[in-house]
Amino acid sequence: SRDNAKNTVYLQMDSLKPEDTAVYYCAASLKDYGLGYLRCGYGYGLDS
């Protein structure tokens, strides 16, 4: 979810499993690309 007024994006994680253990990163792009694998699975074009 996001709250633009707070300039913040959230990730609510429930029912966590040991395999969820990882370093979690957020990323952003001002240029829209579409929410497919290249952008969201691979991170293409996310420059921040």
All heavy atoms as atom14 arrays in JSON, in Angstrom:
{
  "sequence": "SRDNAKNTVYLQMDSLKPEDTAVYYCAASLKDYGLGYLRCGYGYGLDS",
  "atom14_mask": [
    [1, 1, 1, 1, 1, 1, 0, 0, 0, 0, 0, 0, 0, 0],
    [1, 1, 1, 1, 1, 1, 1, 1, 1, 1, 1, 0, 0, 0],
    [1, 1, 1, 1, 1, 1, 1, 1, 0, 0, 0, 0, 0, 0],
    [1, 1, 1, 1, 1, 1, 1, 1, 0, 0, 0, 0, 0, 0],
    [1, 1, 1, 1, 1, 0, 0, 0, 0, 0, 0, 0, 0, 0],
    [1, 1, 1, 1, 1, 1, 1, 1, 1, 0, 0, 0, 0, 0],
    [1, 1, 1, 1, 1, 1, 1, 1, 0, 0, 0, 0, 0, 0],
    [1, 1, 1, 1, 1, 1, 1, 0, 0, 0, 0, 0, 0, 0],
    [1, 1, 1, 1, 1, 1, 1, 0, 0, 0, 0, 0, 0, 0],
    [1, 1, 1, 1, 1, 1, 1, 1, 1, 1, 1, 1, 0, 0],
    [1, 1, 1, 1, 1, 1, 1, 1, 0, 0, 0, 0, 0, 0],
    [1, 1, 1, 1, 1, 1, 1, 1, 1, 0, 0, 0, 0, 0],
    [1, 1, 1, 1, 1, 1, 1, 1, 0, 0, 0, 0, 0, 0],
    [1, 1, 1, 1, 1, 1, 1, 1, 0, 0, 0, 0, 0, 0],
    [1, 1, 1, 1, 1, 1, 0, 0, 0, 0, 0, 0, 0, 0],
    [1, 1, 1, 1, 1, 1, 1, 1, 0, 0, 0, 0, 0, 0],
    [1, 1, 1, 1, 1, 1, 1, 1, 1, 0, 0, 0, 0, 0],
    [1, 1, 1, 1, 1, 1, 1, 0, 0, 0, 0, 0, 0, 0],
    [1, 1, 1, 1, 1, 1, 1, 1, 1, 0, 0, 0, 0, 0],
    [1, 1, 1, 1, 1, 1, 1, 1, 0, 0, 0, 0, 0, 0],
    [1, 1, 1, 1, 1, 1, 1, 0, 0, 0, 0, 0, 0, 0],
    [1, 1, 1, 1, 1, 0, 0, 0, 0, 0, 0, 0, 0, 0],
    [1, 1, 1, 1, 1, 1, 1, 0, 0, 0, 0, 0, 0, 0],
    [1, 1, 1, 1, 1, 1, 1, 1, 1, 1, 1, 1, 0, 0],
    [1, 1, 1, 1, 1, 1, 1, 1, 1, 1, 1, 1, 0, 0],
    [1, 1, 1, 1, 1, 1, 0, 0, 0, 0, 0, 0, 0, 0],
    [1, 1, 1, 1, 1, 0, 0, 0, 0, 0, 0, 0, 0, 0],
    [1, 1, 1, 1, 1, 0, 0, 0, 0, 0, 0, 0, 0, 0],
    [1, 1, 1, 1, 1, 1, 0, 0, 0, 0, 0, 0, 0, 0],
    [1, 1, 1, 1, 1, 1, 1, 1, 0, 0, 0, 0, 0, 0],
    [1, 1, 1, 1, 1, 1, 1, 1, 1, 0, 0, 0, 0, 0],
    [1, 1, 1, 1, 1, 1, 1, 1, 0, 0, 0, 0, 0, 0],
    [1, 1, 1, 1, 1, 1, 1, 1, 1, 1, 1, 1, 0, 0],
    [1, 1, 1, 1, 0, 0, 0, 0, 0, 0, 0, 0, 0, 0],
    [1, 1, 1, 1, 1, 1, 1, 1, 0, 0, 0, 0, 0, 0],
    [1, 1, 1, 1, 0, 0, 0, 0, 0, 0, 0, 0, 0, 0],
    [1, 1, 1, 1, 1, 1, 1, 1, 1, 1, 1, 1, 0, 0],
    [1, 1, 1, 1, 1, 1, 1, 1, 0, 0, 0, 0, 0, 0],
    [1, 1, 1, 1, 1, 1, 1, 1, 1, 1, 1, 0, 0, 0],
    [1, 1, 1, 1, 1, 1, 0, 0, 0, 0, 0, 0, 0, 0],
    [1, 1, 1, 1, 0, 0, 0, 0, 0, 0, 0, 0, 0, 0],
    [1, 1, 1, 1, 1, 1, 1, 1, 1, 1, 1, 1, 0, 0],
    [1, 1, 1, 1, 0, 0, 0, 0, 0, 0, 0, 0, 0, 0],
    [1, 1, 1, 1, 1, 1, 1, 1, 1, 1, 1, 1, 0, 0],
    [1, 1, 1, 1, 0, 0, 0, 0, 0, 0, 0, 0, 0, 0],
    [1, 1, 1, 1, 1, 1, 1, 1, 0, 0, 0, 0, 0, 0],
    [1, 1, 1, 1, 1, 1, 1, 1, 0, 0, 0, 0, 0, 0],
    [1, 1, 1, 1, 1, 1, 0, 0, 0, 0, 0, 0, 0, 0]
  ],
  "atom14_positions": [
    [[0.84, -1.18, 0.0], [0.0, 0.0, 0.0], [0.88, 1.24, 0.0], [2.09, 1.16, 0.24], [-0.95, 0.01, 1.21], [-0.22, 0.05, 2.42], [0.0, 0.0, 0.0], [0.0, 0.0, 0.0], [0.0, 0.0, 0.0], [0.0, 0.0, 0.0], [0.0, 0.0, 0.0], [0.0, 0.0, 0.0], [0.0, 0.0, 0.0], [0.0, 0.0, 0.0]],
    [[0.28, 2.38, -0.28], [1.04, 3.62, -0.3], [0.23, 4.74, 0.32], [-1.01, 4.73, 0.3], [1.46, 3.98, -1.73], [0.3, 4.37, -2.65], [0.75, 4.46, -4.1], [1.77, 5.47, -4.31], [2.57, 5.52, -5.37], [2.46, 4.59, -6.32], [3.48, 6.48, -5.48], [0.0, 0.0, 0.0], [0.0, 0.0, 0.0], [0.0, 0.0, 0.0]],
    [[0.93, 5.71, 0.86], [0.33, 6.92, 1.4], [1.14, 8.08, 0.85], [2.19, 8.43, 1.4], [0.33, 6.9, 2.92], [-0.45, 8.06, 3.53], [-0.66, 9.07, 2.84], [-0.85, 7.95, 4.7], [0.0, 0.0, 0.0], [0.0, 0.0, 0.0], [0.0, 0.0, 0.0], [0.0, 0.0, 0.0], [0.0, 0.0, 0.0], [0.0, 0.0, 0.0]],
    [[0.67, 8.66, -0.23], [1.42, 9.73, -0.88], [1.58, 10.95, 0.01], [2.58, 11.66, -0.08], [0.75, 10.12, -2.2], [0.92, 9.07, -3.27], [1.83, 8.25, -3.22], [0.05, 9.1, -4.28], [0.0, 0.0, 0.0], [0.0, 0.0, 0.0], [0.0, 0.0, 0.0], [0.0, 0.0, 0.0], [0.0, 0.0, 0.0], [0.0, 0.0, 0.0]],
    [[0.6, 11.2, 0.87], [0.7, 12.33, 1.78], [1.88, 12.18, 2.74], [2.44, 13.18, 3.2], [-0.59, 12.5, 2.57], [0.0, 0.0, 0.0], [0.0, 0.0, 0.0], [0.0, 0.0, 0.0], [0.0, 0.0, 0.0], [0.0, 0.0, 0.0], [0.0, 0.0, 0.0], [0.0, 0.0, 0.0], [0.0, 0.0, 0.0], [0.0, 0.0, 0.0]],
    [[2.26, 10.94, 3.04], [3.39, 10.67, 3.92], [4.64, 10.27, 3.14], [5.66, 9.94, 3.75], [3.04, 9.57, 4.91], [1.92, 9.94, 5.87], [1.64, 8.81, 6.85], [0.53, 9.19, 7.83], [0.24, 8.09, 8.78], [0.0, 0.0, 0.0], [0.0, 0.0, 0.0], [0.0, 0.0, 0.0], [0.0, 0.0, 0.0], [0.0, 0.0, 0.0]],
    [[4.55, 10.27, 1.81], [5.67, 9.88, 0.95], [6.21, 8.51, 1.35], [7.43, 8.29, 1.41], [6.78, 10.93, 1.0], [6.37, 12.24, 0.39], [5.68, 12.28, -0.63], [6.79, 13.34, 1.0], [0.0, 0.0, 0.0], [0.0, 0.0, 0.0], [0.0, 0.0, 0.0], [0.0, 0.0, 0.0], [0.0, 0.0, 0.0], [0.0, 0.0, 0.0]],
    [[5.3, 7.57, 1.58], [5.67, 6.27, 2.12], [4.93, 5.15, 1.41], [3.74, 5.29, 1.08], [5.37, 6.2, 3.62], [6.09, 7.24, 4.31], [5.78, 4.86, 4.2], [0.0, 0.0, 0.0], [0.0, 0.0, 0.0], [0.0, 0.0, 0.0], [0.0, 0.0, 0.0], [0.0, 0.0, 0.0], [0.0, 0.0, 0.0], [0.0, 0.0, 0.0]],
    [[5.63, 4.05, 1.17], [5.03, 2.82, 0.69], [5.25, 1.75, 1.76], [6.31, 1.71, 2.4], [5.6, 2.38, -0.67], [7.1, 2.14, -0.6], [4.87, 1.15, -1.2], [0.0, 0.0, 0.0], [0.0, 0.0, 0.0], [0.0, 0.0, 0.0], [0.0, 0.0, 0.0], [0.0, 0.0, 0.0], [0.0, 0.0, 0.0], [0.0, 0.0, 0.0]],
    [[4.25, 0.9, 1.96], [4.28, -0.11, 3.01], [4.21, -1.51, 2.42], [3.68, -1.72, 1.34], [3.11, 0.06, 3.97], [3.0, 1.42, 4.61], [2.16, 2.39, 4.08], [3.75, 1.74, 5.74], [2.05, 3.63, 4.66], [3.65, 2.99, 6.32], [2.8, 3.93, 5.78], [2.7, 5.17, 6.37], [0.0, 0.0, 0.0], [0.0, 0.0, 0.0]],
    [[4.74, -2.47, 3.16], [4.56, -3.88, 2.86], [4.14, -4.57, 4.15], [4.95, -4.76, 5.05], [5.84, -4.51, 2.3], [5.7, -5.97, 1.85], [4.79, -6.06, 0.62], [7.06, -6.58, 1.56], [0.0, 0.0, 0.0], [0.0, 0.0, 0.0], [0.0, 0.0, 0.0], [0.0, 0.0, 0.0], [0.0, 0.0, 0.0], [0.0, 0.0, 0.0]],
    [[2.86, -4.92, 4.23], [2.34, -5.67, 5.36], [2.57, -7.15, 5.1], [2.11, -7.68, 4.09], [0.85, -5.39, 5.55], [0.2, -6.18, 6.68], [0.7, -5.78, 8.04], [0.85, -4.6, 8.33], [0.96, -6.76, 8.89], [0.0, 0.0, 0.0], [0.0, 0.0, 0.0], [0.0, 0.0, 0.0], [0.0, 0.0, 0.0], [0.0, 0.0, 0.0]],
    [[3.28, -7.81, 6.0], [3.64, -9.2, 5.85], [3.0, -10.01, 6.97], [3.32, -9.82, 8.14], [5.16, -9.38, 5.86], [5.89, -8.54, 4.81], [7.67, -8.86, 4.77], [8.14, -8.27, 6.4], [0.0, 0.0, 0.0], [0.0, 0.0, 0.0], [0.0, 0.0, 0.0], [0.0, 0.0, 0.0], [0.0, 0.0, 0.0], [0.0, 0.0, 0.0]],
    [[2.1, -10.9, 6.6], [1.4, -11.75, 7.55], [1.75, -13.21, 7.27], [2.22, -13.57, 6.2], [-0.11, -11.56, 7.44], [-0.56, -10.15, 7.77], [-0.01, -9.55, 8.71], [-1.49, -9.65, 7.09], [0.0, 0.0, 0.0], [0.0, 0.0, 0.0], [0.0, 0.0, 0.0], [0.0, 0.0, 0.0], [0.0, 0.0, 0.0], [0.0, 0.0, 0.0]],
    [[1.48, -14.06, 8.25], [1.74, -15.5, 8.13], [3.15, -15.77, 7.64], [3.38, -16.57, 6.72], [0.71, -16.14, 7.19], [-0.6, -15.94, 7.66], [0.0, 0.0, 0.0], [0.0, 0.0, 0.0], [0.0, 0.0, 0.0], [0.0, 0.0, 0.0], [0.0, 0.0, 0.0], [0.0, 0.0, 0.0], [0.0, 0.0, 0.0], [0.0, 0.0, 0.0]],
    [[4.1, -15.13, 8.25], [5.49, -15.22, 7.8], [6.04, -16.63, 7.96], [5.73, -17.33, 8.93], [6.35, -14.22, 8.55], [6.2, -12.77, 8.06], [6.74, -11.79, 9.09], [6.92, -12.59, 6.73], [0.0, 0.0, 0.0], [0.0, 0.0, 0.0], [0.0, 0.0, 0.0], [0.0, 0.0, 0.0], [0.0, 0.0, 0.0], [0.0, 0.0, 0.0]],
    [[6.87, -17.01, 7.01], [7.51, -18.31, 6.97], [9.02, -18.14, 7.03], [9.55, -17.1, 6.65], [7.14, -19.05, 5.68], [5.64, -19.2, 5.45], [5.38, -19.82, 4.09], [3.9, -19.98, 3.82], [3.64, -20.57, 2.49], [0.0, 0.0, 0.0], [0.0, 0.0, 0.0], [0.0, 0.0, 0.0], [0.0, 0.0, 0.0], [0.0, 0.0, 0.0]],
    [[9.75, -19.17, 7.48], [11.21, -19.06, 7.49], [11.8, -18.71, 6.13], [12.81, -18.0, 6.07], [11.66, -20.45, 7.96], [10.54, -20.92, 8.81], [9.29, -20.4, 8.15], [0.0, 0.0, 0.0], [0.0, 0.0, 0.0], [0.0, 0.0, 0.0], [0.0, 0.0, 0.0], [0.0, 0.0, 0.0], [0.0, 0.0, 0.0], [0.0, 0.0, 0.0]],
    [[11.19, -19.17, 5.05], [11.7, -18.87, 3.72], [11.49, -17.42, 3.3], [11.98, -17.0, 2.25], [11.08, -19.81, 2.67], [9.57, -19.89, 2.73], [9.08, -21.1, 3.51], [9.63, -21.38, 4.58], [8.14, -21.78, 3.02], [0.0, 0.0, 0.0], [0.0, 0.0, 0.0], [0.0, 0.0, 0.0], [0.0, 0.0, 0.0], [0.0, 0.0, 0.0]],
    [[10.78, -16.64, 4.11], [10.66, -15.21, 3.87], [11.87, -14.44, 4.39], [11.97, -13.23, 4.15], [9.4, -14.65, 4.53], [8.12, -15.19, 3.92], [8.05, -15.31, 2.68], [7.19, -15.49, 4.68], [0.0, 0.0, 0.0], [0.0, 0.0, 0.0], [0.0, 0.0, 0.0], [0.0, 0.0, 0.0], [0.0, 0.0, 0.0], [0.0, 0.0, 0.0]],
    [[12.76, -15.11, 5.09], [13.95, -14.46, 5.62], [14.8, -13.9, 4.49], [15.18, -14.62, 3.57], [14.77, -15.44, 6.45], [14.02, -15.85, 7.6], [16.07, -14.8, 6.92], [0.0, 0.0, 0.0], [0.0, 0.0, 0.0], [0.0, 0.0, 0.0], [0.0, 0.0, 0.0], [0.0, 0.0, 0.0], [0.0, 0.0, 0.0], [0.0, 0.0, 0.0]],
    [[15.08, -12.61, 4.54], [15.83, -11.94, 3.48], [16.05, -10.49, 3.86], [15.44, -9.98, 4.81], [15.08, -12.01, 2.14], [0.0, 0.0, 0.0], [0.0, 0.0, 0.0], [0.0, 0.0, 0.0], [0.0, 0.0, 0.0], [0.0, 0.0, 0.0], [0.0, 0.0, 0.0], [0.0, 0.0, 0.0], [0.0, 0.0, 0.0], [0.0, 0.0, 0.0]],
    [[16.91, -9.83, 3.1], [16.99, -8.38, 3.14], [15.97, -7.85, 2.16], [15.95, -8.25, 0.99], [18.4, -7.88, 2.78], [18.43, -6.35, 2.76], [19.42, -8.4, 3.79], [0.0, 0.0, 0.0], [0.0, 0.0, 0.0], [0.0, 0.0, 0.0], [0.0, 0.0, 0.0], [0.0, 0.0, 0.0], [0.0, 0.0, 0.0], [0.0, 0.0, 0.0]],
    [[15.11, -6.96, 2.61], [14.05, -6.41, 1.8], [14.42, -4.99, 1.37], [14.83, -4.16, 2.2], [12.73, -6.4, 2.56], [12.09, -7.76, 2.66], [12.63, -8.74, 3.47], [10.94, -8.07, 1.93], [12.06, -10.0, 3.55], [10.36, -9.32, 2.01], [10.92, -10.29, 2.82], [10.35, -11.53, 2.89], [0.0, 0.0, 0.0], [0.0, 0.0, 0.0]],
    [[14.26, -4.71, 0.09], [14.58, -3.43, -0.5], [13.34, -2.82, -1.14], [12.52, -3.53, -1.71], [15.65, -3.56, -1.59], [16.94, -4.2, -1.15], [17.11, -5.57, -1.2], [18.0, -3.42, -0.7], [18.3, -6.17, -0.81], [19.2, -4.0, -0.32], [19.34, -5.37, -0.38], [20.53, -5.95, 0.0], [0.0, 0.0, 0.0], [0.0, 0.0, 0.0]],
    [[13.23, -1.5, -1.08], [12.23, -0.82, -1.88], [12.92, -0.1, -3.02], [14.1, 0.25, -2.95], [11.38, 0.14, -1.04], [12.26, 1.55, -0.33], [0.0, 0.0, 0.0], [0.0, 0.0, 0.0], [0.0, 0.0, 0.0], [0.0, 0.0, 0.0], [0.0, 0.0, 0.0], [0.0, 0.0, 0.0], [0.0, 0.0, 0.0], [0.0, 0.0, 0.0]],
    [[12.17, 0.11, -4.09], [12.7, 0.75, -5.28], [11.6, 1.55, -5.95], [10.41, 1.29, -5.75], [13.26, -0.3, -6.25], [0.0, 0.0, 0.0], [0.0, 0.0, 0.0], [0.0, 0.0, 0.0], [0.0, 0.0, 0.0], [0.0, 0.0, 0.0], [0.0, 0.0, 0.0], [0.0, 0.0, 0.0], [0.0, 0.0, 0.0], [0.0, 0.0, 0.0]],
    [[12.01, 2.53, -6.76], [11.05, 3.44, -7.35], [11.5, 3.92, -8.72], [12.69, 3.97, -9.02], [10.83, 4.65, -6.43], [0.0, 0.0, 0.0], [0.0, 0.0, 0.0], [0.0, 0.0, 0.0], [0.0, 0.0, 0.0], [0.0, 0.0, 0.0], [0.0, 0.0, 0.0], [0.0, 0.0, 0.0], [0.0, 0.0, 0.0], [0.0, 0.0, 0.0]],
    [[10.52, 4.29, -9.52], [10.77, 4.92, -10.81], [9.69, 5.94, -11.08], [8.5, 5.65, -10.89], [10.81, 3.89, -11.93], [10.95, 4.52, -13.19], [0.0, 0.0, 0.0], [0.0, 0.0, 0.0], [0.0, 0.0, 0.0], [0.0, 0.0, 0.0], [0.0, 0.0, 0.0], [0.0, 0.0, 0.0], [0.0, 0.0, 0.0], [0.0, 0.0, 0.0]],
    [[10.09, 7.09, -11.54], [9.13, 8.11, -11.94], [8.47, 7.78, -13.27], [7.36, 8.23, -13.54], [9.81, 9.48, -12.01], [8.91, 10.7, -12.24], [7.88, 10.84, -11.14], [9.78, 11.96, -12.33], [0.0, 0.0, 0.0], [0.0, 0.0, 0.0], [0.0, 0.0, 0.0], [0.0, 0.0, 0.0], [0.0, 0.0, 0.0], [0.0, 0.0, 0.0]],
    [[9.15, 7.0, -14.08], [8.63, 6.61, -15.39], [7.82, 5.34, -15.26], [8.33, 4.29, -14.86], [9.77, 6.41, -16.39], [9.3, 6.09, -17.79], [10.46, 5.96, -18.75], [10.0, 5.63, -20.16], [11.14, 5.52, -21.09], [0.0, 0.0, 0.0], [0.0, 0.0, 0.0], [0.0, 0.0, 0.0], [0.0, 0.0, 0.0], [0.0, 0.0, 0.0]],
    [[6.55, 5.41, -15.63], [5.69, 4.24, -15.61], [6.14, 3.24, -16.65], [6.49, 3.6, -17.78], [4.23, 4.64, -15.87], [3.6, 5.38, -14.71], [4.2, 5.41, -13.62], [2.5, 5.93, -14.9], [0.0, 0.0, 0.0], [0.0, 0.0, 0.0], [0.0, 0.0, 0.0], [0.0, 0.0, 0.0], [0.0, 0.0, 0.0], [0.0, 0.0, 0.0]],
    [[6.11, 1.96, -16.28], [6.5, 0.89, -17.18], [5.44, -0.2, -17.26], [5.35, -0.91, -18.26], [7.83, 0.29, -16.75], [8.44, -0.65, -17.76], [9.08, -0.16, -18.88], [8.38, -2.03, -17.58], [9.65, -1.01, -19.81], [8.94, -2.89, -18.5], [9.58, -2.38, -19.61], [10.14, -3.23, -20.53], [0.0, 0.0, 0.0], [0.0, 0.0, 0.0]],
    [[4.66, -0.34, -16.22], [3.65, -1.39, -16.14], [4.06, -2.46, -15.16], [5.24, -2.79, -15.04], [0.0, 0.0, 0.0], [0.0, 0.0, 0.0], [0.0, 0.0, 0.0], [0.0, 0.0, 0.0], [0.0, 0.0, 0.0], [0.0, 0.0, 0.0], [0.0, 0.0, 0.0], [0.0, 0.0, 0.0], [0.0, 0.0, 0.0], [0.0, 0.0, 0.0]],
    [[3.09, -3.02, -14.47], [3.36, -3.94, -13.37], [3.42, -5.39, -13.85], [2.63, -6.24, -13.43], [2.32, -3.77, -12.27], [2.18, -2.36, -11.71], [1.26, -2.37, -10.49], [3.53, -1.77, -11.34], [0.0, 0.0, 0.0], [0.0, 0.0, 0.0], [0.0, 0.0, 0.0], [0.0, 0.0, 0.0], [0.0, 0.0, 0.0], [0.0, 0.0, 0.0]],
    [[4.36, -5.67, -14.73], [4.63, -7.03, -15.16], [5.91, -7.55, -14.57], [6.5, -6.96, -13.65], [0.0, 0.0, 0.0], [0.0, 0.0, 0.0], [0.0, 0.0, 0.0], [0.0, 0.0, 0.0], [0.0, 0.0, 0.0], [0.0, 0.0, 0.0], [0.0, 0.0, 0.0], [0.0, 0.0, 0.0], [0.0, 0.0, 0.0], [0.0, 0.0, 0.0]],
    [[6.38, -8.69, -15.1], [7.56, -9.32, -14.53], [8.8, -8.45, -14.65], [9.6, -8.37, -13.71], [7.83, -10.67, -15.2], [9.17, -11.25, -14.79], [9.31, -11.87, -13.55], [10.28, -11.14, -15.61], [10.54, -12.38, -13.15], [11.51, -11.64, -15.22], [11.64, -12.26, -13.99], [12.86, -12.75, -13.59], [0.0, 0.0, 0.0], [0.0, 0.0, 0.0]],
    [[9.01, -7.8, -15.79], [10.24, -7.04, -15.99], [10.4, -5.95, -14.94], [11.48, -5.75, -14.38], [10.3, -6.46, -17.39], [10.58, -7.45, -18.51], [10.52, -6.75, -19.86], [11.94, -8.09, -18.32], [0.0, 0.0, 0.0], [0.0, 0.0, 0.0], [0.0, 0.0, 0.0], [0.0, 0.0, 0.0], [0.0, 0.0, 0.0], [0.0, 0.0, 0.0]],
    [[9.34, -5.22, -14.67], [9.41, -4.17, -13.68], [9.37, -4.72, -12.26], [10.21, -4.36, -11.42], [8.25, -3.17, -13.91], [8.0, -2.12, -12.81], [9.23, -1.3, -12.43], [9.83, -0.56, -13.53], [9.51, 0.69, -13.88], [8.56, 1.35, -13.21], [10.13, 1.28, -14.89], [0.0, 0.0, 0.0], [0.0, 0.0, 0.0], [0.0, 0.0, 0.0]],
    [[8.44, -5.59, -11.97], [8.18, -6.0, -10.59], [8.92, -7.26, -10.16], [9.22, -7.42, -8.97], [6.68, -6.2, -10.39], [5.69, -4.71, -10.69], [0.0, 0.0, 0.0], [0.0, 0.0, 0.0], [0.0, 0.0, 0.0], [0.0, 0.0, 0.0], [0.0, 0.0, 0.0], [0.0, 0.0, 0.0], [0.0, 0.0, 0.0], [0.0, 0.0, 0.0]],
    [[9.2, -8.16, -11.08], [9.94, -9.35, -10.74], [11.43, -9.19, -10.91], [12.22, -9.72, -10.11], [0.0, 0.0, 0.0], [0.0, 0.0, 0.0], [0.0, 0.0, 0.0], [0.0, 0.0, 0.0], [0.0, 0.0, 0.0], [0.0, 0.0, 0.0], [0.0, 0.0, 0.0], [0.0, 0.0, 0.0], [0.0, 0.0, 0.0], [0.0, 0.0, 0.0]],
    [[11.84, -8.45, -11.94], [13.25, -8.25, -12.24], [13.78, -6.91, -11.74], [14.95, -6.81, -11.36], [13.47, -8.36, -13.75], [14.89, -8.14, -14.19], [15.84, -9.14, -14.03], [15.27, -6.94, -14.77], [17.15, -8.94, -14.43], [16.58, -6.73, -15.18], [17.51, -7.73, -15.02], [18.81, -7.53, -15.43], [0.0, 0.0, 0.0], [0.0, 0.0, 0.0]],
    [[12.96, -5.88, -11.75], [13.38, -4.56, -11.32], [13.84, -3.66, -12.44], [14.53, -2.68, -12.19], [0.0, 0.0, 0.0], [0.0, 0.0, 0.0], [0.0, 0.0, 0.0], [0.0, 0.0, 0.0], [0.0, 0.0, 0.0], [0.0, 0.0, 0.0], [0.0, 0.0, 0.0], [0.0, 0.0, 0.0], [0.0, 0.0, 0.0], [0.0, 0.0, 0.0]],
    [[13.43, -3.98, -13.66], [13.87, -3.19, -14.81], [13.43, -1.74, -14.69], [12.26, -1.45, -14.43], [13.31, -3.78, -16.11], [13.67, -2.99, -17.34], [14.91, -3.16, -17.95], [12.78, -2.07, -17.88], [15.24, -2.43, -19.08], [13.12, -1.34, -19.01], [14.35, -1.53, -19.6], [14.69, -0.8, -20.72], [0.0, 0.0, 0.0], [0.0, 0.0, 0.0]],
    [[14.37, -0.83, -14.88], [14.07, 0.58, -14.92], [13.84, 1.25, -13.59], [13.53, 2.44, -13.55], [0.0, 0.0, 0.0], [0.0, 0.0, 0.0], [0.0, 0.0, 0.0], [0.0, 0.0, 0.0], [0.0, 0.0, 0.0], [0.0, 0.0, 0.0], [0.0, 0.0, 0.0], [0.0, 0.0, 0.0], [0.0, 0.0, 0.0], [0.0, 0.0, 0.0]],
    [[13.96, 0.51, -12.49], [13.82, 1.11, -11.17], [15.16, 1.73, -10.78], [16.11, 1.01, -10.45], [13.37, 0.07, -10.15], [11.97, -0.5, -10.39], [11.73, -1.73, -9.52], [10.91, 0.56, -10.11], [0.0, 0.0, 0.0], [0.0, 0.0, 0.0], [0.0, 0.0, 0.0], [0.0, 0.0, 0.0], [0.0, 0.0, 0.0], [0.0, 0.0, 0.0]],
    [[15.24, 3.03, -10.86], [16.52, 3.71, -10.75], [16.83, 4.26, -9.36], [17.89, 4.87, -9.16], [16.62, 4.84, -11.78], [15.41, 5.75, -11.79], [14.58, 5.67, -10.86], [15.29, 6.55, -12.74], [0.0, 0.0, 0.0], [0.0, 0.0, 0.0], [0.0, 0.0, 0.0], [0.0, 0.0, 0.0], [0.0, 0.0, 0.0], [0.0, 0.0, 0.0]],
    [[15.95, 4.07, -8.41], [16.18, 4.49, -7.03], [15.96, 3.31, -6.11], [14.9, 2.68, -6.16], [15.25, 5.64, -6.64], [15.49, 6.78, -7.45], [0.0, 0.0, 0.0], [0.0, 0.0, 0.0], [0.0, 0.0, 0.0], [0.0, 0.0, 0.0], [0.0, 0.0, 0.0], [0.0, 0.0, 0.0], [0.0, 0.0, 0.0], [0.0, 0.0, 0.0]]
  ]
}
